[in-house]
Amino acid sequence: DEAEDAAIWMSMRPTKVPAEVKAGLLALLAKVVETVDAYGVAAANLSDLVETGFVKRERDEEKDLIERVHELEHETDVLSRDLSAKLLEPSMETAVGPIGVYHLLKLTLQISKIADHAENAGDRLRAMLSK
């Protein structure tokens, strides 16, 4: 849903994107994709865990995969904060206007929420391991 919301938000208003913001958005997107992919690996590994009967070594491996999702989500948060700070610089208002700043800032936050949801799903996997 968050990815769909971000795509719809982007289509609502054409906005100039300065090169440094474009680079930041692309880095953020790449990290979000990496986070979601890491969650996919952890979720796929869960079926292997079920087949092995939750052997300790396999459980520990699953916990490591989930921890990787958390690490990547944190890296996404850092990129999002850095990009948000860049967007809030006075020069950005001159470059893209106040509405452009708002538009890009909200887009940045929506994109970063995708990684938040991957982390939350990872937490659910961890809860399943503890039962």
N, C-alpha and C. Protein backbone atom coordinates (compact mmCIF):
# COMPACT_ATOMS: atom_id res chain seq x y z
N ASP A 1 0.82 -1.20 0.00
CA ASP A 1 0.00 0.00 0.00
C ASP A 1 0.87 1.26 0.00
N GLU A 2 1.92 1.21 0.78
CA GLU A 2 2.78 2.41 0.88
C GLU A 2 3.47 2.70 -0.45
N ALA A 3 3.89 1.66 -1.15
CA ALA A 3 4.52 1.85 -2.46
C ALA A 3 3.51 2.43 -3.45
N GLU A 4 2.29 1.94 -3.39
CA GLU A 4 1.25 2.47 -4.26
C GLU A 4 0.97 3.94 -3.93
N ASP A 5 0.89 4.26 -2.64
CA ASP A 5 0.66 5.64 -2.23
C ASP A 5 1.78 6.56 -2.72
N ALA A 6 3.02 6.09 -2.63
CA ALA A 6 4.16 6.90 -3.09
C ALA A 6 4.07 7.13 -4.60
N ALA A 7 3.70 6.09 -5.35
CA ALA A 7 3.59 6.23 -6.80
C ALA A 7 2.47 7.21 -7.17
N ILE A 8 1.36 7.12 -6.48
CA ILE A 8 0.25 8.05 -6.74
C ILE A 8 0.68 9.47 -6.37
N TRP A 9 1.34 9.62 -5.22
CA TRP A 9 1.80 10.93 -4.78
C TRP A 9 2.73 11.57 -5.82
N MET A 10 3.63 10.76 -6.38
CA MET A 10 4.56 11.29 -7.39
C MET A 10 3.81 11.81 -8.61
N SER A 11 2.73 11.14 -8.98
CA SER A 11 1.99 11.52 -10.18
C SER A 11 1.10 12.74 -9.98
N MET A 12 0.88 13.14 -8.75
CA MET A 12 -0.04 14.25 -8.47
C MET A 12 0.51 15.62 -8.84
N ARG A 13 1.83 15.75 -8.81
CA ARG A 13 2.41 17.06 -9.07
C ARG A 13 3.81 16.91 -9.66
N PRO A 14 3.96 17.32 -10.91
CA PRO A 14 5.32 17.31 -11.46
C PRO A 14 6.18 18.30 -10.67
N THR A 15 7.34 17.84 -10.25
CA THR A 15 8.23 18.67 -9.44
C THR A 15 9.65 18.55 -9.96
N LYS A 16 10.33 19.70 -10.09
CA LYS A 16 11.75 19.66 -10.43
C LYS A 16 12.48 18.96 -9.29
N VAL A 17 13.43 18.11 -9.66
CA VAL A 17 14.19 17.42 -8.64
C VAL A 17 15.67 17.76 -8.85
N PRO A 18 16.24 18.57 -7.97
CA PRO A 18 17.66 18.91 -8.08
C PRO A 18 18.52 17.64 -8.03
N ALA A 19 19.68 17.69 -8.64
CA ALA A 19 20.55 16.52 -8.77
C ALA A 19 20.88 15.88 -7.42
N GLU A 20 21.18 16.70 -6.41
CA GLU A 20 21.54 16.12 -5.11
C GLU A 20 20.35 15.43 -4.44
N VAL A 21 19.15 15.93 -4.70
CA VAL A 21 17.94 15.30 -4.17
C VAL A 21 17.66 14.02 -4.94
N LYS A 22 17.84 14.08 -6.25
CA LYS A 22 17.64 12.88 -7.07
C LYS A 22 18.58 11.76 -6.61
N ALA A 23 19.83 12.09 -6.37
CA ALA A 23 20.80 11.10 -5.89
C ALA A 23 20.35 10.53 -4.55
N GLY A 24 19.86 11.38 -3.67
CA GLY A 24 19.39 10.94 -2.36
C GLY A 24 18.16 10.04 -2.47
N LEU A 25 17.23 10.40 -3.36
CA LEU A 25 16.04 9.57 -3.56
C LEU A 25 16.41 8.21 -4.13
N LEU A 26 17.33 8.19 -5.08
CA LEU A 26 17.75 6.91 -5.67
C LEU A 26 18.45 6.03 -4.64
N ALA A 27 19.28 6.64 -3.79
CA ALA A 27 19.95 5.88 -2.73
C ALA A 27 18.92 5.33 -1.74
N LEU A 28 17.95 6.15 -1.40
CA LEU A 28 16.89 5.72 -0.48
C LEU A 28 16.09 4.57 -1.09
N LEU A 29 15.71 4.71 -2.35
CA LEU A 29 14.96 3.64 -3.02
C LEU A 29 15.76 2.34 -3.05
N ALA A 30 17.03 2.44 -3.35
CA ALA A 30 17.88 1.24 -3.41
C ALA A 30 17.94 0.56 -2.04
N LYS A 31 18.04 1.35 -0.98
CA LYS A 31 18.12 0.77 0.37
C LYS A 31 16.78 0.17 0.77
N VAL A 32 15.68 0.79 0.36
CA VAL A 32 14.36 0.23 0.66
C VAL A 32 14.19 -1.11 -0.06
N VAL A 33 14.59 -1.17 -1.32
CA VAL A 33 14.50 -2.42 -2.07
C VAL A 33 15.36 -3.49 -1.40
N GLU A 34 16.54 -3.12 -0.97
CA GLU A 34 17.42 -4.07 -0.28
C GLU A 34 16.77 -4.58 1.02
N THR A 35 16.10 -3.69 1.73
CA THR A 35 15.43 -4.06 2.97
C THR A 35 14.29 -5.04 2.70
N VAL A 36 13.48 -4.72 1.71
CA VAL A 36 12.35 -5.59 1.36
C VAL A 36 12.86 -6.95 0.86
N ASP A 37 13.92 -6.94 0.07
CA ASP A 37 14.51 -8.20 -0.40
C ASP A 37 15.02 -9.04 0.78
N ALA A 38 15.64 -8.39 1.76
CA ALA A 38 16.14 -9.10 2.94
C ALA A 38 14.98 -9.72 3.71
N TYR A 39 13.88 -9.00 3.79
CA TYR A 39 12.69 -9.58 4.43
C TYR A 39 12.21 -10.79 3.65
N GLY A 40 12.21 -10.70 2.32
CA GLY A 40 11.79 -11.83 1.48
C GLY A 40 12.62 -13.07 1.74
N VAL A 41 13.92 -12.88 1.92
CA VAL A 41 14.81 -14.01 2.23
C VAL A 41 14.44 -14.61 3.59
N ALA A 42 14.21 -13.75 4.56
CA ALA A 42 13.84 -14.23 5.90
C ALA A 42 12.51 -14.98 5.87
N ALA A 43 11.54 -14.45 5.13
CA ALA A 43 10.24 -15.10 5.05
C ALA A 43 10.34 -16.45 4.33
N ALA A 44 11.13 -16.50 3.26
CA ALA A 44 11.31 -17.75 2.53
C ALA A 44 12.05 -18.78 3.39
N ASN A 45 12.98 -18.31 4.19
CA ASN A 45 13.75 -19.21 5.05
C ASN A 45 12.87 -19.84 6.13
N LEU A 46 11.78 -19.18 6.47
CA LEU A 46 10.90 -19.71 7.51
C LEU A 46 10.34 -21.07 7.12
N SER A 47 10.04 -21.28 5.85
CA SER A 47 9.52 -22.58 5.43
C SER A 47 10.59 -23.67 5.61
N ASP A 48 11.85 -23.32 5.35
CA ASP A 48 12.94 -24.27 5.60
C ASP A 48 13.03 -24.59 7.09
N LEU A 49 12.82 -23.59 7.90
CA LEU A 49 12.87 -23.76 9.35
C LEU A 49 11.79 -24.73 9.82
N VAL A 50 10.61 -24.62 9.24
CA VAL A 50 9.51 -25.52 9.59
C VAL A 50 9.88 -26.95 9.21
N GLU A 51 10.48 -27.11 8.03
CA GLU A 51 10.85 -28.45 7.56
C GLU A 51 11.91 -29.11 8.45
N THR A 52 12.79 -28.32 9.02
CA THR A 52 13.84 -28.88 9.87
C THR A 52 13.40 -29.06 11.31
N GLY A 53 12.18 -28.66 11.62
CA GLY A 53 11.68 -28.84 12.99
C GLY A 53 12.24 -27.83 13.97
N PHE A 54 12.58 -26.64 13.49
CA PHE A 54 13.05 -25.55 14.34
C PHE A 54 14.32 -25.91 15.11
N VAL A 55 15.25 -26.52 14.38
CA VAL A 55 16.57 -26.83 14.95
C VAL A 55 17.24 -25.52 15.35
N LYS A 56 17.96 -25.54 16.48
CA LYS A 56 18.56 -24.31 17.02
C LYS A 56 19.41 -23.57 15.98
N ARG A 57 20.22 -24.29 15.24
CA ARG A 57 21.09 -23.65 14.24
C ARG A 57 20.25 -22.91 13.20
N GLU A 58 19.17 -23.55 12.77
CA GLU A 58 18.27 -22.94 11.78
C GLU A 58 17.53 -21.74 12.38
N ARG A 59 17.13 -21.85 13.64
CA ARG A 59 16.46 -20.72 14.31
C ARG A 59 17.40 -19.54 14.43
N ASP A 60 18.66 -19.83 14.78
CA ASP A 60 19.65 -18.75 14.90
C ASP A 60 19.89 -18.08 13.55
N GLU A 61 19.92 -18.88 12.50
CA GLU A 61 20.09 -18.32 11.15
C GLU A 61 18.91 -17.41 10.80
N GLU A 62 17.71 -17.85 11.14
CA GLU A 62 16.51 -17.04 10.88
C GLU A 62 16.57 -15.72 11.66
N LYS A 63 17.00 -15.80 12.92
CA LYS A 63 17.12 -14.58 13.73
C LYS A 63 18.14 -13.62 13.11
N ASP A 64 19.22 -14.16 12.56
CA ASP A 64 20.23 -13.32 11.90
C ASP A 64 19.64 -12.65 10.66
N LEU A 65 18.82 -13.38 9.91
CA LEU A 65 18.18 -12.80 8.73
C LEU A 65 17.23 -11.67 9.12
N ILE A 66 16.50 -11.89 10.19
CA ILE A 66 15.58 -10.85 10.67
C ILE A 66 16.37 -9.64 11.18
N GLU A 67 17.47 -9.89 11.86
CA GLU A 67 18.31 -8.79 12.35
C GLU A 67 18.84 -7.97 11.18
N ARG A 68 19.16 -8.64 10.08
CA ARG A 68 19.64 -7.92 8.88
C ARG A 68 18.57 -6.97 8.36
N VAL A 69 17.31 -7.40 8.40
CA VAL A 69 16.21 -6.52 7.99
C VAL A 69 16.19 -5.28 8.88
N HIS A 70 16.37 -5.46 10.18
CA HIS A 70 16.40 -4.33 11.12
C HIS A 70 17.56 -3.39 10.81
N GLU A 71 18.72 -3.94 10.53
CA GLU A 71 19.89 -3.11 10.21
C GLU A 71 19.65 -2.29 8.95
N LEU A 72 19.09 -2.93 7.93
CA LEU A 72 18.83 -2.22 6.67
C LEU A 72 17.76 -1.14 6.85
N GLU A 73 16.77 -1.44 7.67
CA GLU A 73 15.73 -0.44 7.92
C GLU A 73 16.33 0.76 8.64
N HIS A 74 17.24 0.53 9.56
CA HIS A 74 17.93 1.63 10.24
C HIS A 74 18.72 2.46 9.23
N GLU A 75 19.41 1.81 8.32
CA GLU A 75 20.16 2.53 7.29
C GLU A 75 19.20 3.35 6.42
N THR A 76 18.02 2.82 6.18
CA THR A 76 17.00 3.56 5.43
C THR A 76 16.59 4.80 6.21
N ASP A 77 16.40 4.66 7.52
CA ASP A 77 16.05 5.81 8.36
C ASP A 77 17.11 6.90 8.27
N VAL A 78 18.37 6.51 8.30
CA VAL A 78 19.47 7.48 8.22
C VAL A 78 19.42 8.21 6.88
N LEU A 79 19.26 7.46 5.79
CA LEU A 79 19.19 8.10 4.47
C LEU A 79 17.98 9.04 4.37
N SER A 80 16.86 8.61 4.94
CA SER A 80 15.65 9.43 4.92
C SER A 80 15.85 10.73 5.71
N ARG A 81 16.48 10.63 6.88
CA ARG A 81 16.74 11.84 7.68
C ARG A 81 17.69 12.78 6.95
N ASP A 82 18.73 12.22 6.35
CA ASP A 82 19.69 13.06 5.61
C ASP A 82 19.01 13.77 4.45
N LEU A 83 18.18 13.03 3.72
CA LEU A 83 17.48 13.63 2.58
C LEU A 83 16.47 14.67 3.05
N SER A 84 15.77 14.39 4.13
CA SER A 84 14.82 15.36 4.68
C SER A 84 15.53 16.64 5.10
N ALA A 85 16.69 16.50 5.74
CA ALA A 85 17.47 17.68 6.14
C ALA A 85 17.90 18.48 4.91
N LYS A 86 18.30 17.77 3.86
CA LYS A 86 18.70 18.45 2.61
C LYS A 86 17.51 19.21 2.03
N LEU A 87 16.34 18.59 2.05
CA LEU A 87 15.14 19.23 1.51
C LEU A 87 14.71 20.45 2.32
N LEU A 88 15.04 20.48 3.59
CA LEU A 88 14.64 21.59 4.44
C LEU A 88 15.65 22.74 4.46
N GLU A 89 16.72 22.61 3.70
CA GLU A 89 17.67 23.72 3.57
C GLU A 89 16.99 24.86 2.82
N PRO A 90 17.27 26.11 3.21
CA PRO A 90 16.64 27.26 2.54
C PRO A 90 16.86 27.28 1.03
N SER A 91 17.98 26.78 0.57
CA SER A 91 18.25 26.79 -0.88
C SER A 91 17.27 25.92 -1.65
N MET A 92 16.72 24.90 -1.01
CA MET A 92 15.75 24.03 -1.69
C MET A 92 14.45 24.76 -1.97
N GLU A 93 14.07 25.63 -1.04
CA GLU A 93 12.85 26.39 -1.26
C GLU A 93 13.00 27.29 -2.48
N THR A 94 14.20 27.81 -2.65
CA THR A 94 14.47 28.63 -3.83
C THR A 94 14.47 27.77 -5.09
N ALA A 95 15.02 26.58 -5.00
CA ALA A 95 15.16 25.70 -6.17
C ALA A 95 13.83 25.10 -6.63
N VAL A 96 13.01 24.65 -5.69
CA VAL A 96 11.79 23.95 -6.09
C VAL A 96 10.51 24.59 -5.54
N GLY A 97 10.65 25.62 -4.74
CA GLY A 97 9.48 26.28 -4.16
C GLY A 97 9.00 25.55 -2.91
N PRO A 98 8.20 26.22 -2.10
CA PRO A 98 7.75 25.61 -0.85
C PRO A 98 6.88 24.37 -1.07
N ILE A 99 6.02 24.40 -2.07
CA ILE A 99 5.17 23.24 -2.34
C ILE A 99 6.03 22.08 -2.87
N GLY A 100 7.03 22.40 -3.66
CA GLY A 100 7.95 21.37 -4.15
C GLY A 100 8.71 20.71 -3.00
N VAL A 101 9.13 21.52 -2.04
CA VAL A 101 9.81 20.97 -0.86
C VAL A 101 8.86 20.03 -0.13
N TYR A 102 7.63 20.47 0.09
CA TYR A 102 6.65 19.63 0.78
C TYR A 102 6.41 18.33 0.02
N HIS A 103 6.24 18.46 -1.29
CA HIS A 103 5.97 17.30 -2.14
C HIS A 103 7.11 16.27 -2.04
N LEU A 104 8.34 16.73 -2.15
CA LEU A 104 9.50 15.82 -2.10
C LEU A 104 9.72 15.28 -0.69
N LEU A 105 9.45 16.09 0.32
CA LEU A 105 9.60 15.64 1.70
C LEU A 105 8.59 14.52 2.01
N LYS A 106 7.35 14.73 1.62
CA LYS A 106 6.34 13.70 1.86
C LYS A 106 6.66 12.43 1.07
N LEU A 107 7.15 12.57 -0.15
CA LEU A 107 7.55 11.41 -0.95
C LEU A 107 8.66 10.63 -0.25
N THR A 108 9.63 11.36 0.27
CA THR A 108 10.73 10.73 1.00
C THR A 108 10.21 9.92 2.18
N LEU A 109 9.29 10.49 2.93
CA LEU A 109 8.74 9.80 4.10
C LEU A 109 7.90 8.58 3.70
N GLN A 110 7.16 8.71 2.60
CA GLN A 110 6.37 7.57 2.14
C GLN A 110 7.26 6.42 1.70
N ILE A 111 8.32 6.73 0.99
CA ILE A 111 9.24 5.69 0.53
C ILE A 111 9.88 5.00 1.73
N SER A 112 10.28 5.77 2.73
CA SER A 112 10.94 5.16 3.89
C SER A 112 9.98 4.29 4.70
N LYS A 113 8.69 4.57 4.64
CA LYS A 113 7.71 3.75 5.36
C LYS A 113 7.65 2.33 4.81
N ILE A 114 8.02 2.15 3.55
CA ILE A 114 8.03 0.80 2.97
C ILE A 114 8.99 -0.08 3.76
N ALA A 115 10.16 0.45 4.06
CA ALA A 115 11.14 -0.30 4.85
C ALA A 115 10.64 -0.51 6.28
N ASP A 116 9.91 0.47 6.83
CA ASP A 116 9.33 0.31 8.16
C ASP A 116 8.40 -0.91 8.20
N HIS A 117 7.60 -1.06 7.14
CA HIS A 117 6.67 -2.19 7.09
C HIS A 117 7.42 -3.52 6.97
N ALA A 118 8.52 -3.53 6.24
CA ALA A 118 9.33 -4.75 6.15
C ALA A 118 9.88 -5.11 7.52
N GLU A 119 10.32 -4.10 8.26
CA GLU A 119 10.83 -4.34 9.61
C GLU A 119 9.72 -4.89 10.51
N ASN A 120 8.53 -4.31 10.43
CA ASN A 120 7.41 -4.78 11.24
C ASN A 120 7.06 -6.23 10.90
N ALA A 121 7.10 -6.56 9.62
CA ALA A 121 6.83 -7.94 9.21
C ALA A 121 7.91 -8.87 9.75
N GLY A 122 9.15 -8.40 9.76
CA GLY A 122 10.24 -9.18 10.35
C GLY A 122 10.00 -9.43 11.84
N ASP A 123 9.46 -8.43 12.52
CA ASP A 123 9.14 -8.60 13.94
C ASP A 123 8.08 -9.69 14.14
N ARG A 124 7.15 -9.79 13.20
CA ARG A 124 6.13 -10.84 13.28
C ARG A 124 6.77 -12.22 13.09
N LEU A 125 7.75 -12.29 12.18
CA LEU A 125 8.48 -13.55 12.00
C LEU A 125 9.19 -13.93 13.30
N ARG A 126 9.82 -12.95 13.92
CA ARG A 126 10.53 -13.20 15.18
C ARG A 126 9.56 -13.69 16.25
N ALA A 127 8.37 -13.12 16.30
CA ALA A 127 7.37 -13.54 17.28
C ALA A 127 6.95 -14.99 17.02
N MET A 128 6.86 -15.37 15.76
CA MET A 128 6.52 -16.76 15.43
C MET A 128 7.60 -17.71 15.88
N LEU A 129 8.86 -17.26 15.84
CA LEU A 129 9.96 -18.11 16.28
C LEU A 129 9.93 -18.37 17.78
N SER A 130 9.41 -17.39 18.52
CA SER A 130 9.45 -17.49 19.98
C SER A 130 8.33 -18.38 20.53
N LYS A 131 7.41 -18.75 19.68
CA LYS A 131 6.27 -19.57 20.16
C LYS A 131 6.53 -21.03 19.97
